Amino acid sequence: YFCAGAVRVHLGRLGFTNVYNKCEDFYERLKDPKSLPPHDVVVTNPPYGEAHIRRLLQFCTRGNKPYLLLMPDYVCMKPFYRSIFPDPPSGDGAGEEGERA
């Protein structure tokens, strides 16, 4: 999957000038991990098909890099998601010492 390039422009305006966003098959690149571009973080809004989300989560959770994935809220209730992240956050908004966020 590929974004037409607007994300690169938007992130550049925010000061993130080294953004890798090329029209190529992400999953083909995954077949040879040495072919992945160097990166500090993964930021994406993947297609919402379960196969895409599952594969992307597997990639992200195997690495030692932070990631930000924009996905629908129902994804966190899917069995594959629960197997990767078994303990969802409480969602009560409480910060440290019970303070409300």
PDB file of N, CA and C in Angstrom:
ATOM      1  N   TYR A   1       0.836  -1.180   0.000  1.00  0.00           N
ATOM      2  CA  TYR A   1       0.000   0.000   0.000  1.00  0.00           C
ATOM      3  C   TYR A   1       0.873   1.233   0.000  1.00  0.00           C
ATOM      4  N   PHE A   2       0.351   2.327  -0.523  1.00  0.00           N
ATOM      5  CA  PHE A   2       1.169   3.512  -0.709  1.00  0.00           C
ATOM      6  C   PHE A   2       0.308   4.765  -0.674  1.00  0.00           C
ATOM      7  N   CYS A   3       0.797   5.753  -0.007  1.00  0.00           N
ATOM      8  CA  CYS A   3       0.171   7.072  -0.002  1.00  0.00           C
ATOM      9  C   CYS A   3       0.787   7.878  -1.138  1.00  0.00           C
ATOM     10  N   ALA A   4       0.017   8.708  -1.771  1.00  0.00           N
ATOM     11  CA  ALA A   4       0.485   9.434  -2.954  1.00  0.00           C
ATOM     12  C   ALA A   4       1.556  10.478  -2.665  1.00  0.00           C
ATOM     13  N   GLY A   5       1.918  10.687  -1.426  1.00  0.00           N
ATOM     14  CA  GLY A   5       3.022  11.587  -1.127  1.00  0.00           C
ATOM     15  C   GLY A   5       2.683  12.771  -0.255  1.00  0.00           C
ATOM     16  N   ALA A   6       1.406  13.011  -0.007  1.00  0.00           N
ATOM     17  CA  ALA A   6       1.023  14.165   0.807  1.00  0.00           C
ATOM     18  C   ALA A   6       1.581  14.061   2.224  1.00  0.00           C
ATOM     19  N   VAL A   7       1.679  12.852   2.751  1.00  0.00           N
ATOM     20  CA  VAL A   7       2.185  12.689   4.112  1.00  0.00           C
ATOM     21  C   VAL A   7       3.620  13.199   4.216  1.00  0.00           C
ATOM     22  N   ARG A   8       4.391  12.995   3.188  1.00  0.00           N
ATOM     23  CA  ARG A   8       5.778  13.482   3.188  1.00  0.00           C
ATOM     24  C   ARG A   8       5.809  15.007   3.274  1.00  0.00           C
ATOM     25  N   VAL A   9       4.928  15.649   2.534  1.00  0.00           N
ATOM     26  CA  VAL A   9       4.837  17.116   2.551  1.00  0.00           C
ATOM     27  C   VAL A   9       4.381  17.601   3.922  1.00  0.00           C
ATOM     28  N   HIS A  10       3.335  16.981   4.458  1.00  0.00           N
ATOM     29  CA  HIS A  10       2.801  17.406   5.755  1.00  0.00           C
ATOM     30  C   HIS A  10       3.815  17.211   6.881  1.00  0.00           C
ATOM     31  N   LEU A  11       4.470  16.064   6.903  1.00  0.00           N
ATOM     32  CA  LEU A  11       5.476  15.822   7.939  1.00  0.00           C
ATOM     33  C   LEU A  11       6.664  16.762   7.769  1.00  0.00           C
ATOM     34  N   GLY A  12       7.019  17.068   6.529  1.00  0.00           N
ATOM     35  CA  GLY A  12       8.101  18.020   6.276  1.00  0.00           C
ATOM     36  C   GLY A  12       7.794  19.390   6.848  1.00  0.00           C
ATOM     37  N   ARG A  13       6.547  19.809   6.715  1.00  0.00           N
ATOM     38  CA  ARG A  13       6.140  21.112   7.273  1.00  0.00           C
ATOM     39  C   ARG A  13       6.224  21.134   8.796  1.00  0.00           C
ATOM     40  N   LEU A  14       6.154  19.966   9.395  1.00  0.00           N
ATOM     41  CA  LEU A  14       6.262  19.860  10.851  1.00  0.00           C
ATOM     42  C   LEU A  14       7.703  19.668  11.315  1.00  0.00           C
ATOM     43  N   GLY A  15       8.633  19.664  10.360  1.00  0.00           N
ATOM     44  CA  GLY A  15      10.043  19.548  10.714  1.00  0.00           C
ATOM     45  C   GLY A  15      10.638  18.174  10.504  1.00  0.00           C
ATOM     46  N   PHE A  16       9.825  17.215  10.068  1.00  0.00           N
ATOM     47  CA  PHE A  16      10.327  15.864   9.814  1.00  0.00           C
ATOM     48  C   PHE A  16      10.690  15.770   8.332  1.00  0.00           C
ATOM     49  N   THR A  17      11.942  16.070   8.037  1.00  0.00           N
ATOM     50  CA  THR A  17      12.349  16.196   6.640  1.00  0.00           C
ATOM     51  C   THR A  17      12.932  14.917   6.050  1.00  0.00           C
ATOM     52  N   ASN A  18      13.212  13.927   6.860  1.00  0.00           N
ATOM     53  CA  ASN A  18      13.765  12.669   6.360  1.00  0.00           C
ATOM     54  C   ASN A  18      12.674  11.594   6.434  1.00  0.00           C
ATOM     55  N   VAL A  19      11.769  11.619   5.476  1.00  0.00           N
ATOM     56  CA  VAL A  19      10.615  10.715   5.448  1.00  0.00           C
ATOM     57  C   VAL A  19      10.751   9.778   4.259  1.00  0.00           C
ATOM     58  N   TYR A  20      10.639   8.484   4.513  1.00  0.00           N
ATOM     59  CA  TYR A  20      10.687   7.489   3.441  1.00  0.00           C
ATOM     60  C   TYR A  20       9.256   7.160   3.047  1.00  0.00           C
ATOM     61  N   ASN A  21       8.871   7.505   1.832  1.00  0.00           N
ATOM     62  CA  ASN A  21       7.517   7.272   1.352  1.00  0.00           C
ATOM     63  C   ASN A  21       7.596   7.037  -0.156  1.00  0.00           C
ATOM     64  N   LYS A  22       7.819   5.787  -0.531  1.00  0.00           N
ATOM     65  CA  LYS A  22       7.981   5.455  -1.944  1.00  0.00           C
ATOM     66  C   LYS A  22       6.917   4.458  -2.381  1.00  0.00           C
ATOM     67  N   CYS A  23       6.586   4.513  -3.656  1.00  0.00           N
ATOM     68  CA  CYS A  23       5.595   3.607  -4.234  1.00  0.00           C
ATOM     69  C   CYS A  23       6.256   2.246  -4.463  1.00  0.00           C
ATOM     70  N   GLU A  24       6.171   1.401  -3.463  1.00  0.00           N
ATOM     71  CA  GLU A  24       6.740   0.063  -3.547  1.00  0.00           C
ATOM     72  C   GLU A  24       5.949  -0.865  -2.654  1.00  0.00           C
ATOM     73  N   ASP A  25       6.084  -2.136  -2.866  1.00  0.00           N
ATOM     74  CA  ASP A  25       5.349  -3.138  -2.108  1.00  0.00           C
ATOM     75  C   ASP A  25       6.050  -3.377  -0.765  1.00  0.00           C
ATOM     76  N   PHE A  26       5.444  -2.898   0.290  1.00  0.00           N
ATOM     77  CA  PHE A  26       6.001  -3.026   1.641  1.00  0.00           C
ATOM     78  C   PHE A  26       6.261  -4.492   1.989  1.00  0.00           C
ATOM     79  N   TYR A  27       5.326  -5.361   1.630  1.00  0.00           N
ATOM     80  CA  TYR A  27       5.472  -6.764   1.993  1.00  0.00           C
ATOM     81  C   TYR A  27       6.581  -7.452   1.196  1.00  0.00           C
ATOM     82  N   GLU A  28       6.838  -6.996  -0.007  1.00  0.00           N
ATOM     83  CA  GLU A  28       7.984  -7.515  -0.752  1.00  0.00           C
ATOM     84  C   GLU A  28       9.279  -7.124  -0.052  1.00  0.00           C
ATOM     85  N   ARG A  29       9.331  -5.903   0.452  1.00  0.00           N
ATOM     86  CA  ARG A  29      10.523  -5.447   1.179  1.00  0.00           C
ATOM     87  C   ARG A  29      10.730  -6.277   2.442  1.00  0.00           C
ATOM     88  N   LEU A  30       9.648  -6.695   3.066  1.00  0.00           N
ATOM     89  CA  LEU A  30       9.755  -7.490   4.298  1.00  0.00           C
ATOM     90  C   LEU A  30      10.373  -8.865   4.061  1.00  0.00           C
ATOM     91  N   LYS A  31      10.281  -9.366   2.849  1.00  0.00           N
ATOM     92  CA  LYS A  31      10.838 -10.687   2.561  1.00  0.00           C
ATOM     93  C   LYS A  31      12.343 -10.724   2.789  1.00  0.00           C
ATOM     94  N   ASP A  32      12.993  -9.584   2.611  1.00  0.00           N
ATOM     95  CA  ASP A  32      14.427  -9.472   2.883  1.00  0.00           C
ATOM     96  C   ASP A  32      14.625  -8.306   3.841  1.00  0.00           C
ATOM     97  N   PRO A  33      14.656  -8.576   5.143  1.00  0.00           N
ATOM     98  CA  PRO A  33      14.769  -7.493   6.125  1.00  0.00           C
ATOM     99  C   PRO A  33      15.950  -6.562   5.888  1.00  0.00           C
ATOM    100  N   LYS A  34      16.988  -7.050   5.227  1.00  0.00           N
ATOM    101  CA  LYS A  34      18.132  -6.190   4.938  1.00  0.00           C
ATOM    102  C   LYS A  34      17.791  -5.115   3.918  1.00  0.00           C
ATOM    103  N   SER A  35      16.702  -5.301   3.191  1.00  0.00           N
ATOM    104  CA  SER A  35      16.318  -4.323   2.176  1.00  0.00           C
ATOM    105  C   SER A  35      15.471  -3.185   2.753  1.00  0.00           C
ATOM    106  N   LEU A  36      15.067  -3.299   4.012  1.00  0.00           N
ATOM    107  CA  LEU A  36      14.264  -2.236   4.622  1.00  0.00           C
ATOM    108  C   LEU A  36      15.104  -0.978   4.791  1.00  0.00           C
ATOM    109  N   PRO A  37      14.521   0.168   4.534  1.00  0.00           N
ATOM    110  CA  PRO A  37      15.284   1.406   4.724  1.00  0.00           C
ATOM    111  C   PRO A  37      15.533   1.653   6.205  1.00  0.00           C
ATOM    112  N   PRO A  38      16.638   2.289   6.548  1.00  0.00           N
ATOM    113  CA  PRO A  38      16.859   2.633   7.955  1.00  0.00           C
ATOM    114  C   PRO A  38      15.737   3.564   8.409  1.00  0.00           C
ATOM    115  N   HIS A  39      15.274   3.349   9.621  1.00  0.00           N
ATOM    116  CA  HIS A  39      14.171   4.170  10.125  1.00  0.00           C
ATOM    117  C   HIS A  39      14.217   4.256  11.645  1.00  0.00           C
ATOM    118  N   ASP A  40      13.623   5.331  12.157  1.00  0.00           N
ATOM    119  CA  ASP A  40      13.517   5.530  13.601  1.00  0.00           C
ATOM    120  C   ASP A  40      12.127   5.207  14.110  1.00  0.00           C
ATOM    121  N   VAL A  41      11.128   5.363  13.245  1.00  0.00           N
ATOM    122  CA  VAL A  41       9.741   5.138  13.639  1.00  0.00           C
ATOM    123  C   VAL A  41       8.933   4.774  12.395  1.00  0.00           C
ATOM    124  N   VAL A  42       7.874   3.987  12.586  1.00  0.00           N
ATOM    125  CA  VAL A  42       6.936   3.660  11.510  1.00  0.00           C
ATOM    126  C   VAL A  42       5.651   4.424  11.788  1.00  0.00           C
ATOM    127  N   VAL A  43       5.209   5.189  10.796  1.00  0.00           N
ATOM    128  CA  VAL A  43       3.955   5.935  10.893  1.00  0.00           C
ATOM    129  C   VAL A  43       3.134   5.579   9.669  1.00  0.00           C
ATOM    130  N   THR A  44       1.936   5.042   9.877  1.00  0.00           N
ATOM    131  CA  THR A  44       1.126   4.649   8.728  1.00  0.00           C
ATOM    132  C   THR A  44      -0.351   4.598   9.075  1.00  0.00           C
ATOM    133  N   ASN A  45      -1.152   4.699   8.049  1.00  0.00           N
ATOM    134  CA  ASN A  45      -2.593   4.506   8.096  1.00  0.00           C
ATOM    135  C   ASN A  45      -2.868   3.367   7.114  1.00  0.00           C
ATOM    136  N   PRO A  46      -2.721   2.115   7.579  1.00  0.00           N
ATOM    137  CA  PRO A  46      -2.785   0.991   6.645  1.00  0.00           C
ATOM    138  C   PRO A  46      -4.196   0.742   6.131  1.00  0.00           C
ATOM    139  N   PRO A  47      -4.317  -0.020   5.032  1.00  0.00           N
ATOM    140  CA  PRO A  47      -5.649  -0.472   4.623  1.00  0.00           C
ATOM    141  C   PRO A  47      -6.280  -1.234   5.784  1.00  0.00           C
ATOM    142  N   TYR A  48      -7.582  -1.174   5.902  1.00  0.00           N
ATOM    143  CA  TYR A  48      -8.244  -1.739   7.079  1.00  0.00           C
ATOM    144  C   TYR A  48      -8.540  -3.229   6.975  1.00  0.00           C
ATOM    145  N   GLY A  49      -8.148  -3.865   5.896  1.00  0.00           N
ATOM    146  CA  GLY A  49      -8.338  -5.305   5.795  1.00  0.00           C
ATOM    147  C   GLY A  49      -7.542  -6.019   6.875  1.00  0.00           C
ATOM    148  N   GLU A  50      -8.133  -7.039   7.452  1.00  0.00           N
ATOM    149  CA  GLU A  50      -7.498  -7.740   8.570  1.00  0.00           C
ATOM    150  C   GLU A  50      -6.122  -8.274   8.220  1.00  0.00           C
ATOM    151  N   ALA A  51      -5.953  -8.773   7.001  1.00  0.00           N
ATOM    152  CA  ALA A  51      -4.648  -9.322   6.616  1.00  0.00           C
ATOM    153  C   ALA A  51      -3.565  -8.248   6.658  1.00  0.00           C
ATOM    154  N   HIS A  52      -3.872  -7.049   6.193  1.00  0.00           N
ATOM    155  CA  HIS A  52      -2.894  -5.959   6.235  1.00  0.00           C
ATOM    156  C   HIS A  52      -2.541  -5.604   7.673  1.00  0.00           C
ATOM    157  N   ILE A  53      -3.547  -5.430   8.482  1.00  0.00           N
ATOM    158  CA  ILE A  53      -3.310  -5.016   9.870  1.00  0.00           C
ATOM    159  C   ILE A  53      -2.518  -6.082  10.620  1.00  0.00           C
ATOM    160  N   ARG A  54      -2.887  -7.325  10.434  1.00  0.00           N
ATOM    161  CA  ARG A  54      -2.181  -8.421  11.115  1.00  0.00           C
ATOM    162  C   ARG A  54      -0.701  -8.441  10.721  1.00  0.00           C
ATOM    163  N   ARG A  55      -0.424  -8.364   9.435  1.00  0.00           N
ATOM    164  CA  ARG A  55       0.967  -8.405   8.967  1.00  0.00           C
ATOM    165  C   ARG A  55       1.757  -7.196   9.453  1.00  0.00           C
ATOM    166  N   LEU A  56       1.136  -6.046   9.426  1.00  0.00           N
ATOM    167  CA  LEU A  56       1.813  -4.834   9.883  1.00  0.00           C
ATOM    168  C   LEU A  56       2.118  -4.911  11.379  1.00  0.00           C
ATOM    169  N   LEU A  57       1.159  -5.372  12.175  1.00  0.00           N
ATOM    170  CA  LEU A  57       1.398  -5.501  13.615  1.00  0.00           C
ATOM    171  C   LEU A  57       2.503  -6.509  13.905  1.00  0.00           C
ATOM    172  N   GLN A  58       2.534  -7.588  13.147  1.00  0.00           N
ATOM    173  CA  GLN A  58       3.600  -8.569  13.345  1.00  0.00           C
ATOM    174  C   GLN A  58       4.951  -7.938  13.071  1.00  0.00           C
ATOM    175  N   PHE A  59       5.041  -7.152  12.002  1.00  0.00           N
ATOM    176  CA  PHE A  59       6.296  -6.476  11.687  1.00  0.00           C
ATOM    177  C   PHE A  59       6.676  -5.489  12.797  1.00  0.00           C
ATOM    178  N   CYS A  60       5.735  -4.665  13.190  1.00  0.00           N
ATOM    179  CA  CYS A  60       6.029  -3.608  14.169  1.00  0.00           C
ATOM    180  C   CYS A  60       6.406  -4.169  15.530  1.00  0.00           C
ATOM    181  N   THR A  61       5.730  -5.205  15.968  1.00  0.00           N
ATOM    182  CA  THR A  61       5.997  -5.731  17.307  1.00  0.00           C
ATOM    183  C   THR A  61       7.259  -6.581  17.360  1.00  0.00           C
ATOM    184  N   ARG A  62       7.749  -7.030  16.227  1.00  0.00           N
ATOM    185  CA  ARG A  62       9.009  -7.795  16.214  1.00  0.00           C
ATOM    186  C   ARG A  62      10.220  -6.883  16.287  1.00  0.00           C
ATOM    187  N   GLY A  63      10.058  -5.662  15.843  1.00  0.00           N
ATOM    188  CA  GLY A  63      11.180  -4.729  15.821  1.00  0.00           C
ATOM    189  C   GLY A  63      11.374  -4.053  17.157  1.00  0.00           C
ATOM    190  N   ASN A  64      12.419  -3.278  17.219  1.00  0.00           N
ATOM    191  CA  ASN A  64      12.719  -2.541  18.441  1.00  0.00           C
ATOM    192  C   ASN A  64      12.588  -1.051  18.159  1.00  0.00           C
ATOM    193  N   LYS A  65      11.545  -0.696  17.390  1.00  0.00           N
ATOM    194  CA  LYS A  65      11.317   0.689  16.996  1.00  0.00           C
ATOM    195  C   LYS A  65       9.902   1.094  17.390  1.00  0.00           C
ATOM    196  N   PRO A  66       9.709   2.356  17.695  1.00  0.00           N
ATOM    197  CA  PRO A  66       8.341   2.814  17.962  1.00  0.00           C
ATOM    198  C   PRO A  66       7.521   2.854  16.678  1.00  0.00           C
ATOM    199  N   TYR A  67       6.214   2.777  16.827  1.00  0.00           N
ATOM    200  CA  TYR A  67       5.329   2.833  15.670  1.00  0.00           C
ATOM    201  C   TYR A  67       4.026   3.532  16.040  1.00  0.00           C
ATOM    202  N   LEU A  68       3.445   4.190  15.051  1.00  0.00           N
ATOM    203  CA  LEU A  68       2.167   4.886  15.205  1.00  0.00           C
ATOM    204  C   LEU A  68       1.289   4.443  14.046  1.00  0.00           C
ATOM    205  N   LEU A  69       0.205   3.737  14.367  1.00  0.00           N
ATOM    206  CA  LEU A  69      -0.666   3.158  13.349  1.00  0.00           C
ATOM    207  C   LEU A  69      -2.077   3.696  13.556  1.00  0.00           C
ATOM    208  N   LEU A  70      -2.613   4.336  12.557  1.00  0.00           N
ATOM    209  CA  LEU A  70      -3.981   4.845  12.623  1.00  0.00           C
ATOM    210  C   LEU A  70      -4.917   3.756  12.121  1.00  0.00           C
ATOM    211  N   MET A  71      -5.738   3.222  13.040  1.00  0.00           N
ATOM    212  CA  MET A  71      -6.638   2.125  12.684  1.00  0.00           C
ATOM    213  C   MET A  71      -7.968   2.319  13.399  1.00  0.00           C
ATOM    214  N   PRO A  72      -9.025   1.693  12.891  1.00  0.00           N
ATOM    215  CA  PRO A  72     -10.324   1.782  13.564  1.00  0.00           C
ATOM    216  C   PRO A  72     -10.270   1.136  14.950  1.00  0.00           C
ATOM    217  N   ASP A  73     -11.111   1.604  15.852  1.00  0.00           N
ATOM    218  CA  ASP A  73     -11.089   1.088  17.221  1.00  0.00           C
ATOM    219  C   ASP A  73     -11.487  -0.378  17.326  1.00  0.00           C
ATOM    220  N   TYR A  74     -12.287  -0.899  16.388  1.00  0.00           N
ATOM    221  CA  TYR A  74     -12.708  -2.295  16.481  1.00  0.00           C
ATOM    222  C   TYR A  74     -11.543  -3.272  16.337  1.00  0.00           C
ATOM    223  N   VAL A  75     -10.428  -2.813  15.797  1.00  0.00           N
ATOM    224  CA  VAL A  75      -9.275  -3.696  15.599  1.00  0.00           C
ATOM    225  C   VAL A  75      -8.805  -4.271  16.930  1.00  0.00           C
ATOM    226  N   CYS A  76      -8.863  -3.478  17.990  1.00  0.00           N
ATOM    227  CA  CYS A  76      -8.343  -3.951  19.284  1.00  0.00           C
ATOM    228  C   CYS A  76      -9.176  -5.075  19.893  1.00  0.00           C
ATOM    229  N   MET A  77     -10.337  -5.377  19.320  1.00  0.00           N
ATOM    230  CA  MET A  77     -11.149  -6.479  19.822  1.00  0.00           C
ATOM    231  C   MET A  77     -11.005  -7.745  18.974  1.00  0.00           C
ATOM    232  N   LYS A  78     -10.246  -7.681  17.909  1.00  0.00           N
ATOM    233  CA  LYS A  78     -10.049  -8.843  17.043  1.00  0.00           C
ATOM    234  C   LYS A  78      -9.154  -9.862  17.741  1.00  0.00           C
ATOM    235  N   PRO A  79      -9.419 -11.154  17.549  1.00  0.00           N
ATOM    236  CA  PRO A  79      -8.587 -12.180  18.194  1.00  0.00           C
ATOM    237  C   PRO A  79      -7.102 -12.050  17.883  1.00  0.00           C
ATOM    238  N   PHE A  80      -6.733 -11.733  16.645  1.00  0.00           N
ATOM    239  CA  PHE A  80      -5.308 -11.623  16.327  1.00  0.00           C
ATOM    240  C   PHE A  80      -4.675 -10.472  17.098  1.00  0.00           C
ATOM    241  N   TYR A  81      -5.401  -9.377  17.285  1.00  0.00           N
ATOM    242  CA  TYR A  81      -4.878  -8.237  18.042  1.00  0.00           C
ATOM    243  C   TYR A  81      -4.723  -8.622  19.512  1.00  0.00           C
ATOM    244  N   ARG A  82      -5.730  -9.276  20.044  1.00  0.00           N
ATOM    245  CA  ARG A  82      -5.692  -9.676  21.455  1.00  0.00           C
ATOM    246  C   ARG A  82      -4.571 -10.682  21.715  1.00  0.00           C
ATOM    247  N   SER A  83      -4.198 -11.465  20.709  1.00  0.00           N
ATOM    248  CA  SER A  83      -3.090 -12.405  20.913  1.00  0.00           C
ATOM    249  C   SER A  83      -1.752 -11.671  20.949  1.00  0.00           C
ATOM    250  N   ILE A  84      -1.666 -10.521  20.271  1.00  0.00           N
ATOM    251  CA  ILE A  84      -0.432  -9.727  20.274  1.00  0.00           C
ATOM    252  C   ILE A  84      -0.376  -8.828  21.501  1.00  0.00           C
ATOM    253  N   PHE A  85      -1.510  -8.212  21.840  1.00  0.00           N
ATOM    254  CA  PHE A  85      -1.623  -7.310  22.990  1.00  0.00           C
ATOM    255  C   PHE A  85      -2.722  -7.836  23.909  1.00  0.00           C
ATOM    256  N   PRO A  86      -2.427  -8.801  24.770  1.00  0.00           N
ATOM    257  CA  PRO A  86      -3.477  -9.447  25.571  1.00  0.00           C
ATOM    258  C   PRO A  86      -4.133  -8.562  26.625  1.00  0.00           C
ATOM    259  N   ASP A  87      -3.451  -7.540  27.113  1.00  0.00           N
ATOM    260  CA  ASP A  87      -4.008  -6.707  28.169  1.00  0.00           C
ATOM    261  C   ASP A  87      -4.250  -5.291  27.659  1.00  0.00           C
ATOM    262  N   PRO A  88      -5.473  -5.000  27.168  1.00  0.00           N
ATOM    263  CA  PRO A  88      -5.735  -3.641  26.681  1.00  0.00           C
ATOM    264  C   PRO A  88      -5.704  -2.649  27.832  1.00  0.00           C
ATOM    265  N   PRO A  89      -5.400  -1.386  27.540  1.00  0.00           N
ATOM    266  CA  PRO A  89      -5.409  -0.374  28.594  1.00  0.00           C
ATOM    267  C   PRO A  89      -6.804  -0.256  29.190  1.00  0.00           C
ATOM    268  N   SER A  90      -6.862   0.191  30.442  1.00  0.00           N
ATOM    269  CA  SER A  90      -8.144   0.259  31.139  1.00  0.00           C
ATOM    270  C   SER A  90      -9.087   1.273  30.525  1.00  0.00           C
ATOM    271  N   GLY A  91      -8.541   2.344  29.935  1.00  0.00           N
ATOM    272  CA  GLY A  91      -9.385   3.348  29.293  1.00  0.00           C
ATOM    273  C   GLY A  91     -10.133   4.235  30.270  1.00  0.00           C
ATOM    274  N   ASP A  92      -9.717   4.230  31.552  1.00  0.00           N
ATOM    275  CA  ASP A  92     -10.438   5.037  32.529  1.00  0.00           C
ATOM    276  C   ASP A  92      -9.946   6.489  32.576  1.00  0.00           C
ATOM    277  N   GLY A  93      -8.894   6.792  31.815  1.00  0.00           N
ATOM    278  CA  GLY A  93      -8.385   8.164  31.769  1.00  0.00           C
ATOM    279  C   GLY A  93      -7.583   8.553  32.985  1.00  0.00           C
ATOM    280  N   ALA A  94      -7.382   7.655  33.927  1.00  0.00           N
ATOM    281  CA  ALA A  94      -6.643   7.993  35.140  1.00  0.00           C
ATOM    282  C   ALA A  94      -5.150   7.985  34.869  1.00  0.00           C
ATOM    283  N   GLY A  95      -4.479   9.028  35.288  1.00  0.00           N
ATOM    284  CA  GLY A  95      -3.029   9.093  35.189  1.00  0.00           C
ATOM    285  C   GLY A  95      -2.426   8.548  36.457  1.00  0.00           C
ATOM    286  N   GLU A  96      -1.202   8.948  36.729  1.00  0.00           N
ATOM    287  CA  GLU A  96      -0.551   8.523  37.962  1.00  0.00           C
ATOM    288  C   GLU A  96      -1.328   9.022  39.173  1.00  0.00           C
ATOM    289  N   GLU A  97      -1.345   8.246  40.213  1.00  0.00           N
ATOM    290  CA  GLU A  97      -2.002   8.581  41.469  1.00  0.00           C
ATOM    291  C   GLU A  97      -3.479   8.906  41.294  1.00  0.00           C
ATOM    292  N   GLY A  98      -4.115   8.275  40.274  1.00  0.00           N
ATOM    293  CA  GLY A  98      -5.546   8.407  40.111  1.00  0.00           C
ATOM    294  C   GLY A  98      -6.024   9.722  39.526  1.00  0.00           C
ATOM    295  N   GLU A  99      -5.120  10.575  39.068  1.00  0.00           N
ATOM    296  CA  GLU A  99      -5.551  11.842  38.485  1.00  0.00           C
ATOM    297  C   GLU A  99      -6.217  11.587  37.152  1.00  0.00           C
ATOM    298  N   ARG A 100      -7.217  12.385  36.832  1.00  0.00           N
ATOM    299  CA  ARG A 100      -7.888  12.267  35.546  1.00  0.00           C
ATOM    300  C   ARG A 100      -7.036  12.959  34.476  1.00  0.00           C
ATOM    301  N   ALA A 101      -6.956  12.339  33.320  1.00  0.00           N
ATOM    302  CA  ALA A 101      -6.176  12.905  32.211  1.00  0.00           C
ATOM    303  C   ALA A 101      -6.926  14.049  31.563  1.00  0.00           C
TER     304      ALA A 101
END
